[in-house]
């Protein structure tokens, strides 16, 4: 799932070399927290108007996580 978020984010931004995704340990065993960091210039491109792109990204990753029986939380920084 980390790789999926990274590939999608790199396709959206102008500075793909500054994209990083880090997996953080969660309190719950079936939950995965992913921290997505992008350049400040690219923040609007990842979030989109009214958060539409961020919501779509979360939806795609959620669909992938359901197959593994997990829950994914994406934090954009």
N, C-alpha and C. Protein backbone atom coordinates (compact mmCIF):
# COMPACT_ATOMS: atom_id res chain seq x y z
N UNK A 1 0.82 -1.19 0.00
CA UNK A 1 0.00 0.00 0.00
C UNK A 1 0.87 1.26 0.00
N UNK A 2 2.00 1.20 0.68
CA UNK A 2 2.91 2.33 0.72
C UNK A 2 3.38 2.69 -0.68
N UNK A 3 3.69 1.65 -1.46
CA UNK A 3 4.17 1.87 -2.82
C UNK A 3 3.08 2.46 -3.70
N UNK A 4 1.85 2.03 -3.50
CA UNK A 4 0.72 2.55 -4.27
C UNK A 4 0.55 4.05 -4.03
N UNK A 5 0.59 4.47 -2.78
CA UNK A 5 0.46 5.88 -2.45
C UNK A 5 1.62 6.67 -3.07
N UNK A 6 2.82 6.12 -2.99
CA UNK A 6 3.99 6.81 -3.53
C UNK A 6 3.90 6.99 -5.04
N UNK A 7 3.50 5.97 -5.76
CA UNK A 7 3.39 6.05 -7.22
C UNK A 7 2.33 7.07 -7.63
N UNK A 8 1.18 7.05 -6.98
CA UNK A 8 0.11 7.99 -7.32
C UNK A 8 0.54 9.42 -7.00
N UNK A 9 1.15 9.63 -5.85
CA UNK A 9 1.56 10.98 -5.46
C UNK A 9 2.63 11.53 -6.40
N UNK A 10 3.58 10.69 -6.80
CA UNK A 10 4.63 11.15 -7.70
C UNK A 10 4.07 11.54 -9.06
N UNK A 11 2.99 10.89 -9.48
CA UNK A 11 2.37 11.23 -10.76
C UNK A 11 1.63 12.56 -10.70
N UNK A 12 1.24 12.99 -9.51
CA UNK A 12 0.45 14.21 -9.37
C UNK A 12 1.29 15.48 -9.23
N UNK A 13 2.49 15.39 -8.69
CA UNK A 13 3.25 16.57 -8.30
C UNK A 13 4.28 17.01 -9.34
N UNK A 14 4.78 18.24 -9.16
CA UNK A 14 5.83 18.77 -10.03
C UNK A 14 7.23 18.36 -9.56
N UNK A 15 7.37 18.06 -8.27
CA UNK A 15 8.66 17.68 -7.69
C UNK A 15 8.57 16.26 -7.12
N UNK A 16 8.59 15.24 -8.00
CA UNK A 16 8.42 13.86 -7.52
C UNK A 16 9.57 13.36 -6.65
N UNK A 17 10.73 14.01 -6.73
CA UNK A 17 11.86 13.58 -5.92
C UNK A 17 11.68 13.95 -4.45
N UNK A 18 10.74 14.85 -4.14
CA UNK A 18 10.50 15.26 -2.76
C UNK A 18 9.33 14.51 -2.11
N UNK A 19 8.77 13.54 -2.82
CA UNK A 19 7.66 12.75 -2.27
C UNK A 19 8.22 11.62 -1.42
N UNK A 20 7.70 11.49 -0.22
CA UNK A 20 8.10 10.37 0.63
C UNK A 20 6.88 9.85 1.38
N UNK A 21 6.83 8.54 1.52
CA UNK A 21 5.74 7.90 2.25
C UNK A 21 6.36 7.04 3.33
N UNK A 22 5.91 7.26 4.56
CA UNK A 22 6.44 6.53 5.70
C UNK A 22 5.31 5.81 6.41
N UNK A 23 5.54 4.55 6.74
CA UNK A 23 4.54 3.77 7.46
C UNK A 23 4.81 3.89 8.95
N UNK A 24 3.80 4.29 9.69
CA UNK A 24 3.91 4.50 11.13
C UNK A 24 3.14 3.41 11.85
N UNK A 25 3.70 2.94 12.95
CA UNK A 25 3.02 1.92 13.74
C UNK A 25 1.75 2.50 14.37
N UNK A 26 0.73 1.68 14.39
CA UNK A 26 -0.56 2.09 14.94
C UNK A 26 -0.84 1.28 16.21
N UNK A 27 -1.75 1.80 17.02
CA UNK A 27 -2.14 1.11 18.24
C UNK A 27 -2.92 -0.17 17.93
N UNK A 28 -3.66 -0.15 16.85
CA UNK A 28 -4.47 -1.30 16.48
C UNK A 28 -3.71 -2.16 15.47
N UNK A 29 -3.83 -3.46 15.59
CA UNK A 29 -3.08 -4.39 14.75
C UNK A 29 -3.53 -4.36 13.29
N UNK A 30 -4.81 -4.08 13.05
CA UNK A 30 -5.31 -4.13 11.67
C UNK A 30 -5.32 -2.75 10.99
N UNK A 31 -4.70 -1.75 11.61
CA UNK A 31 -4.69 -0.39 11.06
C UNK A 31 -3.28 0.00 10.66
N UNK A 32 -3.17 0.59 9.46
CA UNK A 32 -1.89 1.07 8.95
C UNK A 32 -1.99 2.58 8.75
N UNK A 33 -1.02 3.32 9.28
CA UNK A 33 -0.99 4.77 9.12
C UNK A 33 0.15 5.11 8.17
N UNK A 34 -0.18 5.82 7.09
CA UNK A 34 0.82 6.23 6.11
C UNK A 34 0.94 7.74 6.13
N UNK A 35 2.17 8.24 6.29
CA UNK A 35 2.43 9.68 6.26
C UNK A 35 2.98 10.04 4.89
N UNK A 36 2.27 10.86 4.17
CA UNK A 36 2.68 11.32 2.84
C UNK A 36 3.23 12.73 2.97
N UNK A 37 4.50 12.90 2.60
CA UNK A 37 5.13 14.21 2.64
C UNK A 37 5.47 14.63 1.22
N UNK A 38 5.08 15.86 0.88
CA UNK A 38 5.37 16.43 -0.43
C UNK A 38 5.93 17.83 -0.25
N UNK A 39 6.45 18.38 -1.32
CA UNK A 39 6.95 19.75 -1.32
C UNK A 39 5.81 20.70 -0.99
N UNK A 40 6.10 21.78 -0.27
CA UNK A 40 5.03 22.76 0.03
C UNK A 40 4.37 23.32 -1.24
N UNK A 41 5.14 23.41 -2.33
CA UNK A 41 4.58 23.90 -3.59
C UNK A 41 3.56 22.92 -4.18
N UNK A 42 3.70 21.64 -3.87
CA UNK A 42 2.83 20.61 -4.44
C UNK A 42 1.67 20.22 -3.53
N UNK A 43 1.57 20.84 -2.38
CA UNK A 43 0.53 20.46 -1.41
C UNK A 43 -0.87 20.60 -2.02
N UNK A 44 -1.12 21.67 -2.75
CA UNK A 44 -2.43 21.87 -3.35
C UNK A 44 -2.76 20.85 -4.41
N UNK A 45 -1.75 20.35 -5.11
CA UNK A 45 -1.99 19.35 -6.15
C UNK A 45 -2.37 18.01 -5.56
N UNK A 46 -1.84 17.69 -4.39
CA UNK A 46 -2.15 16.42 -3.74
C UNK A 46 -3.51 16.49 -3.06
N UNK A 47 -3.85 17.65 -2.51
CA UNK A 47 -5.13 17.79 -1.81
C UNK A 47 -6.26 18.04 -2.81
N UNK A 48 -6.05 18.92 -3.78
CA UNK A 48 -7.07 19.21 -4.78
C UNK A 48 -8.12 20.17 -4.27
N UNK A 49 -8.99 20.59 -5.17
CA UNK A 49 -10.07 21.50 -4.79
C UNK A 49 -11.02 20.79 -3.85
N UNK A 50 -11.24 21.42 -2.72
CA UNK A 50 -12.13 20.90 -1.67
C UNK A 50 -11.75 19.49 -1.24
N UNK A 51 -10.47 19.11 -1.41
CA UNK A 51 -9.99 17.82 -0.95
C UNK A 51 -10.37 16.65 -1.81
N UNK A 52 -10.77 16.90 -3.04
CA UNK A 52 -11.26 15.82 -3.90
C UNK A 52 -10.17 14.81 -4.26
N UNK A 53 -8.96 15.29 -4.57
CA UNK A 53 -7.89 14.37 -4.95
C UNK A 53 -7.45 13.55 -3.73
N UNK A 54 -7.35 14.20 -2.57
CA UNK A 54 -6.99 13.47 -1.35
C UNK A 54 -8.03 12.41 -1.03
N UNK A 55 -9.29 12.74 -1.20
CA UNK A 55 -10.37 11.78 -0.94
C UNK A 55 -10.29 10.60 -1.91
N UNK A 56 -10.01 10.90 -3.18
CA UNK A 56 -9.89 9.84 -4.18
C UNK A 56 -8.70 8.93 -3.88
N UNK A 57 -7.60 9.53 -3.47
CA UNK A 57 -6.41 8.75 -3.09
C UNK A 57 -6.73 7.82 -1.93
N UNK A 58 -7.41 8.34 -0.94
CA UNK A 58 -7.78 7.51 0.22
C UNK A 58 -8.74 6.40 -0.18
N UNK A 59 -9.63 6.67 -1.11
CA UNK A 59 -10.59 5.65 -1.56
C UNK A 59 -9.88 4.51 -2.28
N UNK A 60 -8.93 4.85 -3.16
CA UNK A 60 -8.20 3.82 -3.89
C UNK A 60 -7.39 2.95 -2.94
N UNK A 61 -6.71 3.58 -1.99
CA UNK A 61 -5.89 2.82 -1.04
C UNK A 61 -6.77 1.99 -0.11
N UNK A 62 -7.92 2.53 0.26
CA UNK A 62 -8.84 1.78 1.11
C UNK A 62 -9.32 0.51 0.42
N UNK A 63 -9.62 0.63 -0.89
CA UNK A 63 -10.05 -0.54 -1.65
C UNK A 63 -8.96 -1.60 -1.70
N UNK A 64 -7.72 -1.17 -1.82
CA UNK A 64 -6.60 -2.10 -1.82
C UNK A 64 -6.41 -2.75 -0.46
N UNK A 65 -6.62 -1.98 0.59
CA UNK A 65 -6.41 -2.49 1.95
C UNK A 65 -7.49 -3.49 2.37
N UNK A 66 -8.68 -3.34 1.85
CA UNK A 66 -9.78 -4.25 2.22
C UNK A 66 -9.44 -5.68 1.84
N UNK A 67 -8.74 -5.83 0.71
CA UNK A 67 -8.34 -7.19 0.29
C UNK A 67 -7.46 -7.85 1.33
N UNK A 68 -6.64 -7.04 2.02
CA UNK A 68 -5.74 -7.58 3.04
C UNK A 68 -6.38 -7.60 4.42
N UNK A 69 -7.61 -7.14 4.53
CA UNK A 69 -8.29 -7.11 5.81
C UNK A 69 -7.74 -6.05 6.75
N UNK A 70 -7.29 -4.93 6.19
CA UNK A 70 -6.70 -3.87 7.01
C UNK A 70 -7.44 -2.56 6.78
N UNK A 71 -7.16 -1.60 7.65
CA UNK A 71 -7.68 -0.25 7.54
C UNK A 71 -6.49 0.69 7.36
N UNK A 72 -6.61 1.63 6.43
CA UNK A 72 -5.50 2.54 6.15
C UNK A 72 -5.90 3.97 6.42
N UNK A 73 -5.01 4.68 7.08
CA UNK A 73 -5.19 6.11 7.33
C UNK A 73 -4.03 6.82 6.64
N UNK A 74 -4.35 7.79 5.79
CA UNK A 74 -3.32 8.56 5.09
C UNK A 74 -3.29 9.97 5.67
N UNK A 75 -2.12 10.35 6.16
CA UNK A 75 -1.92 11.70 6.67
C UNK A 75 -1.05 12.46 5.69
N UNK A 76 -1.53 13.56 5.17
CA UNK A 76 -0.78 14.36 4.20
C UNK A 76 -0.10 15.50 4.95
N UNK A 77 1.21 15.58 4.76
CA UNK A 77 1.99 16.61 5.46
C UNK A 77 2.77 17.43 4.49
